[in-house]
């Protein structure tokens, strides 16, 4: 709980930067899963799992995370 309280006390820009970084971590995970799906040789296994739009999720998370980081960048760089 102490970590959550520290997050609440951060500035809005720092909170945006952390959330943007988290979105980029999710985007990296989606890119990894898309690569894993494309490299498999068992086509029947792919059809059993179903469809997951990893590329769409990657782009969505990367754009949201990049926007959050871009909005927080001037304040975060100014405080260094």
Protein backbone atom coordinates (compact mmCIF):
# COMPACT_ATOMS: atom_id res chain seq x y z
CA UNK A 1 0.00 0.00 0.00
CA UNK A 2 2.96 2.30 0.64
CA UNK A 3 3.92 2.18 -3.06
CA UNK A 4 0.41 3.25 -4.11
CA UNK A 5 0.53 6.22 -1.72
CA UNK A 6 3.87 7.30 -3.18
CA UNK A 7 2.34 7.12 -6.66
CA UNK A 8 -0.57 9.31 -5.54
CA UNK A 9 1.81 11.95 -4.21
CA UNK A 10 3.71 12.25 -7.50
CA UNK A 11 2.99 15.14 -9.84
CA UNK A 12 0.52 14.67 -12.68
CA UNK A 13 3.37 14.60 -15.20
CA UNK A 14 5.21 11.89 -13.29
CA UNK A 15 2.03 9.83 -13.07
CA UNK A 16 1.54 10.24 -16.84
CA UNK A 17 5.14 9.16 -17.45
CA UNK A 18 4.74 6.01 -15.35
CA UNK A 19 1.42 5.14 -16.99
CA UNK A 20 2.92 5.75 -20.44
CA UNK A 21 5.82 3.46 -19.61
CA UNK A 22 3.34 0.80 -18.47
CA UNK A 23 1.51 1.08 -21.78
CA UNK A 24 4.81 0.64 -23.62
CA UNK A 25 5.50 -2.50 -21.58
CA UNK A 26 2.09 -3.82 -22.66
CA UNK A 27 2.92 -2.91 -26.28
CA UNK A 28 6.20 -4.83 -26.05
CA UNK A 29 4.32 -7.85 -24.68
CA UNK A 30 1.86 -7.68 -27.60
CA UNK A 31 4.74 -7.49 -30.09
CA UNK A 32 6.36 -10.51 -28.47
CA UNK A 33 3.14 -12.52 -28.63
CA UNK A 34 2.61 -11.57 -32.30
CA UNK A 35 6.13 -12.73 -33.11
CA UNK A 36 5.53 -15.97 -31.23
CA UNK A 37 2.30 -16.59 -33.14
CA UNK A 38 3.95 -15.92 -36.50
CA UNK A 39 6.86 -18.26 -35.80
CA UNK A 40 4.80 -21.32 -34.89
CA UNK A 41 4.66 -24.20 -37.35
CA UNK A 42 1.58 -25.94 -36.02
CA UNK A 43 -1.30 -24.29 -37.90
CA UNK A 44 -3.94 -26.48 -36.26
CA UNK A 45 -2.85 -25.23 -32.86
CA UNK A 46 -3.32 -21.63 -33.99
CA UNK A 47 -6.89 -22.31 -35.05
CA UNK A 48 -7.72 -23.95 -31.70
CA UNK A 49 -6.54 -20.94 -29.73
CA UNK A 50 -8.65 -18.45 -31.66
CA UNK A 51 -8.01 -14.96 -32.94
CA UNK A 52 -6.25 -12.32 -30.90
CA UNK A 53 -5.47 -8.98 -32.60
CA UNK A 54 -1.93 -8.63 -31.24
CA UNK A 55 -0.86 -6.13 -33.91
CA UNK A 56 -3.87 -3.90 -33.28
CA UNK A 57 -3.28 -4.02 -29.53
CA UNK A 58 0.41 -3.25 -30.05
CA UNK A 59 -0.35 -0.15 -32.11
CA UNK A 60 -3.06 1.00 -29.70
CA UNK A 61 -0.87 0.61 -26.59
CA UNK A 62 2.17 2.17 -28.30
CA UNK A 63 0.23 5.24 -29.44
CA UNK A 64 -1.44 5.76 -26.07
CA UNK A 65 1.85 5.26 -24.20
CA UNK A 66 3.76 7.52 -26.57
CA UNK A 67 1.15 10.24 -26.20
CA UNK A 68 1.28 10.04 -22.43
CA UNK A 69 5.07 10.18 -22.43
CA UNK A 70 5.08 13.10 -24.87
CA UNK A 71 2.65 15.06 -22.71
CA UNK A 72 4.72 14.51 -19.58
CA UNK A 73 8.12 15.08 -21.15
CA UNK A 74 8.48 18.87 -20.72
CA UNK A 75 7.66 18.81 -17.02
CA UNK A 76 9.75 15.72 -16.28
CA UNK A 77 12.77 17.11 -18.16
CA UNK A 78 12.34 20.50 -16.49
CA UNK A 79 12.58 18.96 -13.04
CA UNK A 80 15.94 17.30 -13.75
